[in-house]
């Protein structure tokens, strides 16, 4: 199961894969159950994982900045 595949939530490269994956499901309504679209599914999973990892790293860096700022304020108040 994938997260929300709305275009505004993902990068341009992931959106291309999302569109190809969804088109594969439209073009092959029965064959999709037999693994016809699995290559696109794997590519989509890799792309979404890379996006999630970038977001995770950015959030971690942001939290480190907040921690440093908080620590500086604590040291100044002592």
PDB file of N, CA and C in Angstrom:
ATOM      1  N   UNK A   1       0.838  -1.172   0.000  1.00  0.00           N
ATOM      2  CA  UNK A   1       0.000   0.000   0.000  1.00  0.00           C
ATOM      3  C   UNK A   1       0.885   1.238   0.000  1.00  0.00           C
ATOM      4  N   UNK A   2       0.563   2.153  -0.855  1.00  0.00           N
ATOM      5  CA  UNK A   2       1.335   3.381  -0.978  1.00  0.00           C
ATOM      6  C   UNK A   2       0.644   4.511  -0.217  1.00  0.00           C
ATOM      7  N   UNK A   3       1.426   5.543   0.135  1.00  0.00           N
ATOM      8  CA  UNK A   3       0.802   6.723   0.724  1.00  0.00           C
ATOM      9  C   UNK A   3      -0.016   7.448  -0.344  1.00  0.00           C
ATOM     10  N   UNK A   4      -0.589   8.559   0.016  1.00  0.00           N
ATOM     11  CA  UNK A   4      -1.364   9.360  -0.930  1.00  0.00           C
ATOM     12  C   UNK A   4      -0.493   9.702  -2.130  1.00  0.00           C
ATOM     13  N   UNK A   5      -0.965   9.419  -3.335  1.00  0.00           N
ATOM     14  CA  UNK A   5      -0.183   9.642  -4.548  1.00  0.00           C
ATOM     15  C   UNK A   5      -0.570  10.921  -5.271  1.00  0.00           C
ATOM     16  N   UNK A   6      -1.120  11.874  -4.559  1.00  0.00           N
ATOM     17  CA  UNK A   6      -1.484  13.156  -5.164  1.00  0.00           C
ATOM     18  C   UNK A   6      -0.228  13.850  -5.687  1.00  0.00           C
ATOM     19  N   UNK A   7      -0.367  14.492  -6.839  1.00  0.00           N
ATOM     20  CA  UNK A   7       0.789  15.085  -7.522  1.00  0.00           C
ATOM     21  C   UNK A   7       1.471  16.172  -6.703  1.00  0.00           C
ATOM     22  N   UNK A   8       0.713  16.943  -5.947  1.00  0.00           N
ATOM     23  CA  UNK A   8       1.313  18.061  -5.207  1.00  0.00           C
ATOM     24  C   UNK A   8       2.171  17.605  -4.026  1.00  0.00           C
ATOM     25  N   UNK A   9       2.107  16.335  -3.672  1.00  0.00           N
ATOM     26  CA  UNK A   9       2.855  15.831  -2.529  1.00  0.00           C
ATOM     27  C   UNK A   9       4.225  15.275  -2.891  1.00  0.00           C
ATOM     28  N   UNK A  10       4.502  15.118  -4.190  1.00  0.00           N
ATOM     29  CA  UNK A  10       5.713  14.413  -4.596  1.00  0.00           C
ATOM     30  C   UNK A  10       6.515  15.204  -5.620  1.00  0.00           C
ATOM     31  N   UNK A  11       7.752  14.766  -5.799  1.00  0.00           N
ATOM     32  CA  UNK A  11       8.659  15.413  -6.758  1.00  0.00           C
ATOM     33  C   UNK A  11       8.237  15.083  -8.185  1.00  0.00           C
ATOM     34  N   UNK A  12       8.815  15.803  -9.134  1.00  0.00           N
ATOM     35  CA  UNK A  12       8.478  15.597 -10.547  1.00  0.00           C
ATOM     36  C   UNK A  12       8.858  14.197 -11.003  1.00  0.00           C
ATOM     37  N   UNK A  13      10.008  13.710 -10.552  1.00  0.00           N
ATOM     38  CA  UNK A  13      10.434  12.383 -10.986  1.00  0.00           C
ATOM     39  C   UNK A  13       9.511  11.297 -10.433  1.00  0.00           C
ATOM     40  N   UNK A  14       9.073  11.432  -9.193  1.00  0.00           N
ATOM     41  CA  UNK A  14       8.136  10.451  -8.634  1.00  0.00           C
ATOM     42  C   UNK A  14       6.773  10.564  -9.313  1.00  0.00           C
ATOM     43  N   UNK A  15       6.382  11.778  -9.662  1.00  0.00           N
ATOM     44  CA  UNK A  15       5.097  11.954 -10.344  1.00  0.00           C
ATOM     45  C   UNK A  15       5.077  11.250 -11.695  1.00  0.00           C
ATOM     46  N   UNK A  16       6.213  11.226 -12.397  1.00  0.00           N
ATOM     47  CA  UNK A  16       6.279  10.502 -13.666  1.00  0.00           C
ATOM     48  C   UNK A  16       6.050   9.010 -13.447  1.00  0.00           C
ATOM     49  N   UNK A  17       6.677   8.468 -12.420  1.00  0.00           N
ATOM     50  CA  UNK A  17       6.512   7.045 -12.112  1.00  0.00           C
ATOM     51  C   UNK A  17       5.088   6.759 -11.655  1.00  0.00           C
ATOM     52  N   UNK A  18       4.530   7.656 -10.849  1.00  0.00           N
ATOM     53  CA  UNK A  18       3.148   7.493 -10.378  1.00  0.00           C
ATOM     54  C   UNK A  18       2.196   7.450 -11.567  1.00  0.00           C
ATOM     55  N   UNK A  19       2.372   8.386 -12.502  1.00  0.00           N
ATOM     56  CA  UNK A  19       1.495   8.413 -13.673  1.00  0.00           C
ATOM     57  C   UNK A  19       1.629   7.153 -14.506  1.00  0.00           C
ATOM     58  N   UNK A  20       2.856   6.680 -14.716  1.00  0.00           N
ATOM     59  CA  UNK A  20       3.078   5.454 -15.486  1.00  0.00           C
ATOM     60  C   UNK A  20       2.451   4.259 -14.769  1.00  0.00           C
ATOM     61  N   UNK A  21       2.584   4.196 -13.458  1.00  0.00           N
ATOM     62  CA  UNK A  21       2.015   3.103 -12.662  1.00  0.00           C
ATOM     63  C   UNK A  21       0.491   3.105 -12.747  1.00  0.00           C
ATOM     64  N   UNK A  22      -0.107   4.272 -12.593  1.00  0.00           N
ATOM     65  CA  UNK A  22      -1.564   4.359 -12.671  1.00  0.00           C
ATOM     66  C   UNK A  22      -2.065   4.051 -14.071  1.00  0.00           C
ATOM     67  N   UNK A  23      -1.325   4.481 -15.090  1.00  0.00           N
ATOM     68  CA  UNK A  23      -1.713   4.189 -16.472  1.00  0.00           C
ATOM     69  C   UNK A  23      -1.591   2.693 -16.755  1.00  0.00           C
ATOM     70  N   UNK A  24      -0.596   2.049 -16.196  1.00  0.00           N
ATOM     71  CA  UNK A  24      -0.440   0.605 -16.348  1.00  0.00           C
ATOM     72  C   UNK A  24      -1.662  -0.116 -15.775  1.00  0.00           C
ATOM     73  N   UNK A  25      -2.145   0.343 -14.643  1.00  0.00           N
ATOM     74  CA  UNK A  25      -3.326  -0.275 -14.034  1.00  0.00           C
ATOM     75  C   UNK A  25      -4.575  -0.053 -14.886  1.00  0.00           C
ATOM     76  N   UNK A  26      -4.654   1.104 -15.545  1.00  0.00           N
ATOM     77  CA  UNK A  26      -5.804   1.381 -16.411  1.00  0.00           C
ATOM     78  C   UNK A  26      -5.720   0.533 -17.686  1.00  0.00           C
ATOM     79  N   UNK A  27      -4.530   0.451 -18.247  1.00  0.00           N
ATOM     80  CA  UNK A  27      -4.348  -0.281 -19.499  1.00  0.00           C
ATOM     81  C   UNK A  27      -4.455  -1.793 -19.333  1.00  0.00           C
ATOM     82  N   UNK A  28      -4.128  -2.301 -18.172  1.00  0.00           N
ATOM     83  CA  UNK A  28      -4.096  -3.752 -17.933  1.00  0.00           C
ATOM     84  C   UNK A  28      -4.888  -4.106 -16.677  1.00  0.00           C
ATOM     85  N   UNK A  29      -6.221  -3.998 -16.747  1.00  0.00           N
ATOM     86  CA  UNK A  29      -7.027  -4.209 -15.540  1.00  0.00           C
ATOM     87  C   UNK A  29      -6.947  -5.627 -14.965  1.00  0.00           C
ATOM     88  N   UNK A  30      -6.672  -6.617 -15.794  1.00  0.00           N
ATOM     89  CA  UNK A  30      -6.582  -7.988 -15.284  1.00  0.00           C
ATOM     90  C   UNK A  30      -5.128  -8.390 -15.077  1.00  0.00           C
ATOM     91  N   UNK A  31      -4.279  -8.009 -16.005  1.00  0.00           N
ATOM     92  CA  UNK A  31      -2.875  -8.397 -15.936  1.00  0.00           C
ATOM     93  C   UNK A  31      -2.163  -7.770 -14.740  1.00  0.00           C
ATOM     94  N   UNK A  32      -2.713  -6.672 -14.212  1.00  0.00           N
ATOM     95  CA  UNK A  32      -2.085  -6.052 -13.034  1.00  0.00           C
ATOM     96  C   UNK A  32      -2.087  -7.007 -11.856  1.00  0.00           C
ATOM     97  N   UNK A  33      -3.060  -7.908 -11.805  1.00  0.00           N
ATOM     98  CA  UNK A  33      -3.130  -8.880 -10.717  1.00  0.00           C
ATOM     99  C   UNK A  33      -2.122 -10.004 -10.891  1.00  0.00           C
ATOM    100  N   UNK A  34      -1.575 -10.124 -12.096  1.00  0.00           N
ATOM    101  CA  UNK A  34      -0.599 -11.175 -12.384  1.00  0.00           C
ATOM    102  C   UNK A  34       0.826 -10.636 -12.419  1.00  0.00           C
ATOM    103  N   UNK A  35       1.021  -9.412 -11.952  1.00  0.00           N
ATOM    104  CA  UNK A  35       2.358  -8.854 -11.823  1.00  0.00           C
ATOM    105  C   UNK A  35       2.842  -8.050 -13.005  1.00  0.00           C
ATOM    106  N   UNK A  36       1.970  -7.671 -13.891  1.00  0.00           N
ATOM    107  CA  UNK A  36       2.384  -6.925 -15.076  1.00  0.00           C
ATOM    108  C   UNK A  36       2.968  -5.560 -14.725  1.00  0.00           C
ATOM    109  N   UNK A  37       2.498  -4.939 -13.681  1.00  0.00           N
ATOM    110  CA  UNK A  37       2.941  -3.585 -13.304  1.00  0.00           C
ATOM    111  C   UNK A  37       3.927  -3.596 -12.133  1.00  0.00           C
ATOM    112  N   UNK A  38       4.467  -4.756 -11.795  1.00  0.00           N
ATOM    113  CA  UNK A  38       5.337  -4.860 -10.620  1.00  0.00           C
ATOM    114  C   UNK A  38       6.627  -4.062 -10.739  1.00  0.00           C
ATOM    115  N   UNK A  39       7.199  -3.964 -11.930  1.00  0.00           N
ATOM    116  CA  UNK A  39       8.432  -3.190 -12.087  1.00  0.00           C
ATOM    117  C   UNK A  39       8.195  -1.721 -11.760  1.00  0.00           C
ATOM    118  N   UNK A  40       7.075  -1.194 -12.238  1.00  0.00           N
ATOM    119  CA  UNK A  40       6.730   0.198 -11.923  1.00  0.00           C
ATOM    120  C   UNK A  40       6.447   0.358 -10.434  1.00  0.00           C
ATOM    121  N   UNK A  41       5.821  -0.645  -9.835  1.00  0.00           N
ATOM    122  CA  UNK A  41       5.525  -0.593  -8.405  1.00  0.00           C
ATOM    123  C   UNK A  41       6.818  -0.535  -7.599  1.00  0.00           C
ATOM    124  N   UNK A  42       7.802  -1.349  -7.977  1.00  0.00           N
ATOM    125  CA  UNK A  42       9.084  -1.327  -7.266  1.00  0.00           C
ATOM    126  C   UNK A  42       9.795   0.016  -7.444  1.00  0.00           C
ATOM    127  N   UNK A  43       9.761   0.553  -8.654  1.00  0.00           N
ATOM    128  CA  UNK A  43      10.387   1.858  -8.909  1.00  0.00           C
ATOM    129  C   UNK A  43       9.700   2.947  -8.094  1.00  0.00           C
ATOM    130  N   UNK A  44       8.385   2.875  -8.012  1.00  0.00           N
ATOM    131  CA  UNK A  44       7.624   3.845  -7.226  1.00  0.00           C
ATOM    132  C   UNK A  44       7.979   3.740  -5.748  1.00  0.00           C
ATOM    133  N   UNK A  45       8.090   2.540  -5.247  1.00  0.00           N
ATOM    134  CA  UNK A  45       8.448   2.340  -3.844  1.00  0.00           C
ATOM    135  C   UNK A  45       9.821   2.914  -3.548  1.00  0.00           C
ATOM    136  N   UNK A  46      10.798   2.683  -4.447  1.00  0.00           N
ATOM    137  CA  UNK A  46      12.147   3.237  -4.259  1.00  0.00           C
ATOM    138  C   UNK A  46      12.114   4.761  -4.258  1.00  0.00           C
ATOM    139  N   UNK A  47      11.354   5.346  -5.167  1.00  0.00           N
ATOM    140  CA  UNK A  47      11.277   6.804  -5.261  1.00  0.00           C
ATOM    141  C   UNK A  47      10.628   7.396  -4.011  1.00  0.00           C
ATOM    142  N   UNK A  48       9.540   6.815  -3.554  1.00  0.00           N
ATOM    143  CA  UNK A  48       8.858   7.313  -2.359  1.00  0.00           C
ATOM    144  C   UNK A  48       9.738   7.169  -1.122  1.00  0.00           C
ATOM    145  N   UNK A  49      10.506   6.079  -1.066  1.00  0.00           N
ATOM    146  CA  UNK A  49      11.411   5.871   0.061  1.00  0.00           C
ATOM    147  C   UNK A  49      12.507   6.941   0.072  1.00  0.00           C
ATOM    148  N   UNK A  50      13.036   7.272  -1.111  1.00  0.00           N
ATOM    149  CA  UNK A  50      14.066   8.306  -1.201  1.00  0.00           C
ATOM    150  C   UNK A  50      13.505   9.661  -0.766  1.00  0.00           C
ATOM    151  N   UNK A  51      12.282   9.971  -1.182  1.00  0.00           N
ATOM    152  CA  UNK A  51      11.645  11.225  -0.752  1.00  0.00           C
ATOM    153  C   UNK A  51      11.470  11.261   0.759  1.00  0.00           C
ATOM    154  N   UNK A  52      11.014  10.147   1.320  1.00  0.00           N
ATOM    155  CA  UNK A  52      10.787  10.075   2.765  1.00  0.00           C
ATOM    156  C   UNK A  52      12.103  10.257   3.514  1.00  0.00           C
ATOM    157  N   UNK A  53      13.180   9.659   2.992  1.00  0.00           N
ATOM    158  CA  UNK A  53      14.478   9.778   3.649  1.00  0.00           C
ATOM    159  C   UNK A  53      14.990  11.222   3.612  1.00  0.00           C
ATOM    160  N   UNK A  54      14.813  11.915   2.478  1.00  0.00           N
ATOM    161  CA  UNK A  54      15.206  13.324   2.391  1.00  0.00           C
ATOM    162  C   UNK A  54      14.447  14.167   3.409  1.00  0.00           C
ATOM    163  N   UNK A  55      13.150  13.920   3.495  1.00  0.00           N
ATOM    164  CA  UNK A  55      12.313  14.678   4.431  1.00  0.00           C
ATOM    165  C   UNK A  55      12.729  14.397   5.873  1.00  0.00           C
ATOM    166  N   UNK A  56      13.048  13.138   6.150  1.00  0.00           N
ATOM    167  CA  UNK A  56      13.477  12.740   7.481  1.00  0.00           C
ATOM    168  C   UNK A  56      14.782  13.439   7.865  1.00  0.00           C
ATOM    169  N   UNK A  57      15.736  13.476   6.936  1.00  0.00           N
ATOM    170  CA  UNK A  57      17.014  14.133   7.204  1.00  0.00           C
ATOM    171  C   UNK A  57      16.835  15.631   7.425  1.00  0.00           C
ATOM    172  N   UNK A  58      15.960  16.248   6.643  1.00  0.00           N
ATOM    173  CA  UNK A  58      15.699  17.682   6.815  1.00  0.00           C
ATOM    174  C   UNK A  58      15.071  17.959   8.177  1.00  0.00           C
ATOM    175  N   UNK A  59      14.135  17.135   8.584  1.00  0.00           N
ATOM    176  CA  UNK A  59      13.489  17.308   9.888  1.00  0.00           C
ATOM    177  C   UNK A  59      14.494  17.101  11.025  1.00  0.00           C
ATOM    178  N   UNK A  60      15.404  16.140  10.849  1.00  0.00           N
ATOM    179  CA  UNK A  60      16.408  15.889  11.878  1.00  0.00           C
ATOM    180  C   UNK A  60      17.336  17.091  12.020  1.00  0.00           C
ATOM    181  N   UNK A  61      17.774  17.645  10.886  1.00  0.00           N
ATOM    182  CA  UNK A  61      18.641  18.825  10.921  1.00  0.00           C
ATOM    183  C   UNK A  61      17.920  20.000  11.571  1.00  0.00           C
ATOM    184  N   UNK A  62      16.654  20.167  11.273  1.00  0.00           N
ATOM    185  CA  UNK A  62      15.863  21.253  11.857  1.00  0.00           C
ATOM    186  C   UNK A  62      15.749  21.075  13.376  1.00  0.00           C
ATOM    187  N   UNK A  63      15.527  19.838  13.811  1.00  0.00           N
ATOM    188  CA  UNK A  63      15.394  19.594  15.249  1.00  0.00           C
ATOM    189  C   UNK A  63      16.720  19.830  15.964  1.00  0.00           C
ATOM    190  N   UNK A  64      17.840  19.492  15.311  1.00  0.00           N
ATOM    191  CA  UNK A  64      19.157  19.766  15.902  1.00  0.00           C
ATOM    192  C   UNK A  64      19.355  21.265  16.093  1.00  0.00           C
ATOM    193  N   UNK A  65      18.897  22.043  15.140  1.00  0.00           N
ATOM    194  CA  UNK A  65      18.992  23.498  15.267  1.00  0.00           C
ATOM    195  C   UNK A  65      18.192  24.009  16.447  1.00  0.00           C
ATOM    196  N   UNK A  66      16.991  23.488  16.621  1.00  0.00           N
ATOM    197  CA  UNK A  66      16.166  23.882  17.765  1.00  0.00           C
ATOM    198  C   UNK A  66      16.824  23.470  19.081  1.00  0.00           C
ATOM    199  N   UNK A  67      17.431  22.289  19.109  1.00  0.00           N
ATOM    200  CA  UNK A  67      18.098  21.828  20.327  1.00  0.00           C
ATOM    201  C   UNK A  67      19.269  22.740  20.689  1.00  0.00           C
ATOM    202  N   UNK A  68      20.052  23.117  19.676  1.00  0.00           N
ATOM    203  CA  UNK A  68      21.189  24.018  19.933  1.00  0.00           C
ATOM    204  C   UNK A  68      20.703  25.365  20.457  1.00  0.00           C
ATOM    205  N   UNK A  69      19.662  25.895  19.847  1.00  0.00           N
ATOM    206  CA  UNK A  69      19.113  27.180  20.264  1.00  0.00           C
ATOM    207  C   UNK A  69      18.599  27.100  21.696  1.00  0.00           C
ATOM    208  N   UNK A  70      17.911  26.036  22.018  1.00  0.00           N
ATOM    209  CA  UNK A  70      17.385  25.851  23.365  1.00  0.00           C
ATOM    210  C   UNK A  70      18.517  25.731  24.375  1.00  0.00           C
ATOM    211  N   UNK A  71      19.557  25.016  24.008  1.00  0.00           N
ATOM    212  CA  UNK A  71      20.692  24.851  24.906  1.00  0.00           C
ATOM    213  C   UNK A  71      21.409  26.185  25.133  1.00  0.00           C
ATOM    214  N   UNK A  72      21.542  26.981  24.093  1.00  0.00           N
ATOM    215  CA  UNK A  72      22.184  28.283  24.219  1.00  0.00           C
ATOM    216  C   UNK A  72      21.373  29.193  25.146  1.00  0.00           C
ATOM    217  N   UNK A  73      20.063  29.180  24.990  1.00  0.00           N
ATOM    218  CA  UNK A  73      19.218  30.008  25.851  1.00  0.00           C
ATOM    219  C   UNK A  73      19.291  29.552  27.294  1.00  0.00           C
ATOM    220  N   UNK A  74      19.381  28.258  27.515  1.00  0.00           N
ATOM    221  CA  UNK A  74      19.489  27.721  28.874  1.00  0.00           C
ATOM    222  C   UNK A  74      20.811  28.144  29.493  1.00  0.00           C
ATOM    223  N   UNK A  75      21.887  28.084  28.726  1.00  0.00           N
ATOM    224  CA  UNK A  75      23.204  28.476  29.248  1.00  0.00           C
ATOM    225  C   UNK A  75      23.264  29.959  29.548  1.00  0.00           C
ATOM    226  N   UNK A  76      22.596  30.775  28.745  1.00  0.00           N
ATOM    227  CA  UNK A  76      22.592  32.227  28.957  1.00  0.00           C
ATOM    228  C   UNK A  76      21.809  32.592  30.210  1.00  0.00           C
ATOM    229  N   UNK A  77      20.766  31.836  30.506  1.00  0.00           N
ATOM    230  CA  UNK A  77      19.927  32.175  31.646  1.00  0.00           C
ATOM    231  C   UNK A  77      20.549  31.726  32.969  1.00  0.00           C
ATOM    232  N   UNK A  78      21.540  30.877  32.920  1.00  0.00           N
ATOM    233  CA  UNK A  78      22.169  30.402  34.173  1.00  0.00           C
ATOM    234  C   UNK A  78      23.166  31.353  34.714  1.00  0.00           C
TER     235      UNK A  78
END
